[in-house]
N, C-alpha and C. Protein backbone atom coordinates (compact mmCIF):
# COMPACT_ATOMS: atom_id res chain seq x y z
N UNK A 1 104.98 97.02 119.17
CA UNK A 1 105.23 98.08 119.54
C UNK A 1 106.33 97.94 120.55
N UNK A 2 107.01 99.10 120.83
CA UNK A 2 108.26 99.01 121.95
C UNK A 2 107.66 99.19 123.19
N UNK A 3 107.90 98.47 124.20
CA UNK A 3 107.60 98.59 125.49
C UNK A 3 107.88 99.76 126.26
N UNK A 4 106.96 100.40 127.02
CA UNK A 4 107.14 101.72 127.77
C UNK A 4 107.58 103.18 127.10
N UNK A 5 107.24 103.02 125.65
CA UNK A 5 107.17 104.47 124.86
C UNK A 5 105.86 104.81 124.67
N UNK A 6 104.79 103.98 124.62
CA UNK A 6 103.66 104.50 124.09
C UNK A 6 102.74 104.83 125.42
N UNK A 7 101.77 105.52 125.38
CA UNK A 7 100.90 105.58 126.17
C UNK A 7 99.81 104.44 126.45
N UNK A 8 99.21 104.04 127.59
CA UNK A 8 98.32 102.93 127.61
C UNK A 8 96.99 103.31 126.93
N UNK A 9 96.65 102.35 126.44
CA UNK A 9 95.13 102.56 125.32
C UNK A 9 94.35 101.67 126.24
N UNK A 10 93.02 102.26 126.65
CA UNK A 10 91.90 101.57 127.24
C UNK A 10 90.78 101.90 126.73
N UNK A 11 89.47 101.38 127.30
CA UNK A 11 88.27 101.38 126.73
C UNK A 11 87.85 102.64 127.34
N UNK A 12 87.22 103.78 126.37
CA UNK A 12 86.79 105.02 127.13
C UNK A 12 85.45 105.19 126.24
N UNK A 13 84.52 105.82 127.03
CA UNK A 13 83.19 106.17 126.72
C UNK A 13 83.37 107.80 126.25
N UNK A 14 83.02 108.16 124.84
CA UNK A 14 83.07 109.45 124.59
C UNK A 14 81.50 109.89 124.34
N UNK A 15 80.92 110.78 125.19
CA UNK A 15 79.61 111.31 125.02
C UNK A 15 79.48 112.50 124.27
N UNK A 16 78.65 112.62 123.19
CA UNK A 16 78.36 113.92 122.70
C UNK A 16 76.94 114.34 123.27
N UNK A 17 77.25 115.68 123.60
CA UNK A 17 76.46 115.97 124.58
C UNK A 17 75.15 116.64 123.73
N UNK A 18 75.53 117.15 122.50
CA UNK A 18 74.65 117.75 121.59
C UNK A 18 73.62 117.08 120.85
N UNK A 19 74.01 115.37 120.65
CA UNK A 19 73.28 114.73 120.04
C UNK A 19 72.76 113.59 121.20
N UNK A 20 73.23 113.80 122.17
CA UNK A 20 72.79 112.50 123.31
C UNK A 20 73.18 111.31 122.96
N UNK A 21 74.41 111.15 122.41
CA UNK A 21 74.98 109.91 121.91
C UNK A 21 76.11 109.58 122.64
N UNK A 22 76.70 108.23 122.66
CA UNK A 22 77.68 107.93 123.33
C UNK A 22 78.17 106.56 122.63
N UNK A 23 79.66 106.57 122.56
CA UNK A 23 80.33 105.58 121.84
C UNK A 23 81.45 105.12 122.89
N UNK A 24 81.40 103.85 122.85
CA UNK A 24 82.75 103.28 123.53
C UNK A 24 83.76 102.63 122.32
N UNK A 25 85.03 103.09 122.85
CA UNK A 25 86.06 102.98 121.90
C UNK A 25 87.35 102.86 122.67
N UNK A 26 88.46 102.40 122.19
CA UNK A 26 89.78 102.59 122.86
C UNK A 26 90.35 104.03 122.46
N UNK A 27 91.45 104.31 123.60
CA UNK A 27 91.73 105.63 123.42
C UNK A 27 93.01 105.84 124.45
N UNK A 28 93.69 106.57 124.41
CA UNK A 28 94.85 106.95 125.55
C UNK A 28 94.20 108.08 126.32
N UNK A 29 93.14 108.85 126.07
CA UNK A 29 92.74 109.73 126.90
C UNK A 29 92.14 109.20 128.42
N UNK A 30 92.29 110.01 129.19
CA UNK A 30 91.75 109.56 130.60
C UNK A 30 90.92 110.66 131.28
N UNK A 31 90.03 110.30 132.15
CA UNK A 31 89.13 111.29 132.62
C UNK A 31 88.98 110.96 134.04
N UNK A 32 88.52 111.73 134.84
CA UNK A 32 88.19 111.52 136.58
C UNK A 32 86.78 111.05 136.52
N UNK A 33 85.88 111.58 135.48
CA UNK A 33 84.61 111.21 135.34
C UNK A 33 84.28 109.74 134.99
N UNK A 34 83.42 108.95 135.50
CA UNK A 34 83.07 107.74 134.85
C UNK A 34 81.62 107.43 134.73
N UNK A 35 81.42 106.27 133.92
CA UNK A 35 79.99 105.97 133.51
C UNK A 35 80.01 104.64 133.57
N UNK A 36 78.80 104.03 133.90
CA UNK A 36 78.38 102.56 133.60
C UNK A 36 77.73 102.49 132.29
N UNK A 37 78.38 101.67 131.61
CA UNK A 37 77.95 101.13 130.25
C UNK A 37 77.17 100.01 130.12
N UNK A 38 76.59 99.89 128.90
CA UNK A 38 75.65 98.81 129.06
C UNK A 38 75.84 97.46 129.14
N UNK A 39 77.16 97.28 129.07
CA UNK A 39 77.57 95.89 129.61
C UNK A 39 77.90 95.76 131.08
N UNK A 40 77.47 96.91 131.85
CA UNK A 40 77.60 96.77 133.26
C UNK A 40 79.05 97.30 133.71
N UNK A 41 79.93 97.30 132.97
CA UNK A 41 81.32 97.93 133.62
C UNK A 41 81.41 99.12 133.44
N UNK A 42 82.24 99.83 134.21
CA UNK A 42 82.49 101.11 134.41
C UNK A 42 83.41 101.74 133.50
N UNK A 43 83.53 102.60 132.87
CA UNK A 43 84.55 103.33 131.97
C UNK A 43 84.62 104.65 132.08
N UNK A 44 85.90 105.38 132.00
CA UNK A 44 86.11 106.65 132.01
C UNK A 44 85.35 107.37 130.98
N UNK A 45 84.75 108.69 131.33
CA UNK A 45 83.84 109.17 130.53
C UNK A 45 84.26 110.59 130.07
N UNK A 46 84.59 110.85 128.66
CA UNK A 46 84.90 112.39 127.94
C UNK A 46 83.72 112.51 127.18
N UNK A 47 83.36 113.94 127.54
CA UNK A 47 82.19 114.86 127.21
C UNK A 47 82.95 115.47 125.82
N UNK A 48 82.37 115.44 124.75
CA UNK A 48 82.96 116.13 123.65
C UNK A 48 81.71 117.25 123.25
N UNK A 49 82.08 118.18 122.47
CA UNK A 49 81.05 119.14 121.97
C UNK A 49 80.42 118.78 120.73
N UNK A 50 81.03 118.04 119.78
CA UNK A 50 80.58 117.69 118.68
C UNK A 50 81.11 116.35 118.00
N UNK A 51 80.50 115.38 117.49
CA UNK A 51 80.85 114.02 116.99
C UNK A 51 80.23 113.83 115.46
N UNK A 52 80.48 112.50 115.26
CA UNK A 52 79.74 112.21 113.93
C UNK A 52 78.28 112.23 114.19
N UNK A 53 77.80 112.32 115.19
CA UNK A 53 76.23 112.03 115.67
C UNK A 53 75.83 113.43 115.44
N UNK A 54 76.40 114.47 115.70
CA UNK A 54 75.80 115.82 115.46
C UNK A 54 76.53 116.81 114.55
N UNK A 55 77.54 116.29 113.98
CA UNK A 55 78.19 117.35 112.90
C UNK A 55 77.49 117.55 111.66
N UNK A 56 77.07 118.45 111.19
CA UNK A 56 76.11 118.54 110.04
C UNK A 56 76.66 117.84 108.81
N UNK A 57 77.81 117.57 108.70
CA UNK A 57 78.35 117.02 107.43
C UNK A 57 77.95 115.37 107.63
N UNK A 58 78.04 114.69 108.62
CA UNK A 58 77.80 113.51 108.76
C UNK A 58 76.29 113.18 108.90
N UNK A 59 75.56 114.34 109.42
CA UNK A 59 73.99 114.05 109.66
C UNK A 59 73.38 114.48 108.42
N UNK A 60 73.82 115.20 107.21
CA UNK A 60 73.02 115.27 106.09
C UNK A 60 72.40 116.68 106.33
N UNK A 61 72.51 117.37 107.69
CA UNK A 61 71.72 118.60 107.81
C UNK A 61 72.54 119.88 107.31
N UNK A 62 73.42 119.96 106.53
CA UNK A 62 74.25 121.04 106.31
C UNK A 62 73.42 121.94 105.28
N UNK A 63 73.77 123.14 105.57
CA UNK A 63 73.18 124.35 104.93
C UNK A 63 74.02 124.70 103.69
N UNK A 64 73.72 124.98 102.53
CA UNK A 64 74.58 125.24 101.64
C UNK A 64 74.17 126.77 101.11
N UNK A 65 75.04 127.63 101.41
CA UNK A 65 75.09 128.95 101.51
C UNK A 65 75.13 129.20 100.14
N UNK A 66 74.11 130.30 99.81
CA UNK A 66 74.10 131.14 98.36
C UNK A 66 74.88 132.11 98.18
N UNK A 67 76.16 132.12 97.90
CA UNK A 67 77.04 133.23 98.15
C UNK A 67 76.91 134.22 97.18
N UNK A 68 76.53 133.87 95.92
CA UNK A 68 76.13 134.89 94.87
C UNK A 68 74.92 135.53 95.32
N UNK A 69 73.81 134.97 96.00
CA UNK A 69 72.73 135.85 96.42
C UNK A 69 72.89 136.75 97.45
N UNK A 70 73.77 136.16 98.28
CA UNK A 70 74.13 137.21 99.38
C UNK A 70 75.04 138.37 98.97
N UNK A 71 75.83 138.42 97.92
CA UNK A 71 76.72 139.41 97.32
C UNK A 71 75.77 140.27 96.61
N UNK A 72 74.39 139.66 95.96
CA UNK A 72 73.42 140.70 95.12
C UNK A 72 72.76 141.43 96.47
N UNK A 73 72.31 140.68 97.45
CA UNK A 73 71.64 141.25 98.42
C UNK A 73 72.13 142.36 98.89
N UNK A 74 73.84 142.16 99.27
CA UNK A 74 74.56 143.44 100.09
C UNK A 74 74.60 144.21 98.87
N UNK A 75 74.79 144.14 97.81
CA UNK A 75 74.78 145.22 96.68
C UNK A 75 73.57 146.02 96.54
N UNK A 76 72.56 145.20 96.71
CA UNK A 76 71.00 146.03 96.85
C UNK A 76 70.94 146.90 97.92
N UNK A 77 71.18 146.42 99.02
CA UNK A 77 70.98 147.09 100.20
C UNK A 77 71.87 148.20 100.37
N UNK A 78 73.29 148.02 100.22
CA UNK A 78 74.15 149.31 100.41
C UNK A 78 74.87 149.71 99.13
N UNK A 79 74.54 149.37 98.04
CA UNK A 79 74.80 149.86 96.68
C UNK A 79 76.08 149.75 96.24
N UNK A 80 76.57 149.65 94.85
CA UNK A 80 77.78 149.26 94.46
C UNK A 80 78.44 150.48 94.79
N UNK A 81 79.70 150.62 95.88
CA UNK A 81 80.53 151.66 95.81
C UNK A 81 81.69 151.80 94.97
N UNK A 82 82.19 150.73 94.18
CA UNK A 82 83.19 150.79 93.22
C UNK A 82 82.65 150.89 92.12
N UNK A 83 83.29 151.77 91.15
CA UNK A 83 82.91 152.02 90.05
C UNK A 83 84.02 151.37 88.68
N UNK A 84 83.39 150.77 87.69
CA UNK A 84 84.47 149.95 86.79
C UNK A 84 84.65 151.11 85.66
N UNK A 85 85.78 151.01 84.99
CA UNK A 85 86.37 151.87 84.13
C UNK A 85 86.29 151.10 82.86
C-alpha cells in the first residue's frame, strides 16, 4: 500500500445490542466510546443495530411469507374489484 493515502486500520470492538454479542476486528472506524476486552486491553467501541449474530438470514429465524395466501385473504376480505373479460 502507498503510504499516507489509506486510513489507519486498528482493532475495534463492534457490539450488536440486539443479540448482546461483540466482535473484535480490524477497522478504520473510530469511536469516542471504549470497552475493556477479554484480553485486558481497551479498544474503541462501535454499537451496531444488527450483525450476523442477530440478522434472521444468518440465525435461521427468518419467516417465509406466503404471498399467495395473503392475496387470497385480501380478496376474501375486500372482494375482487377488477373483472376479467
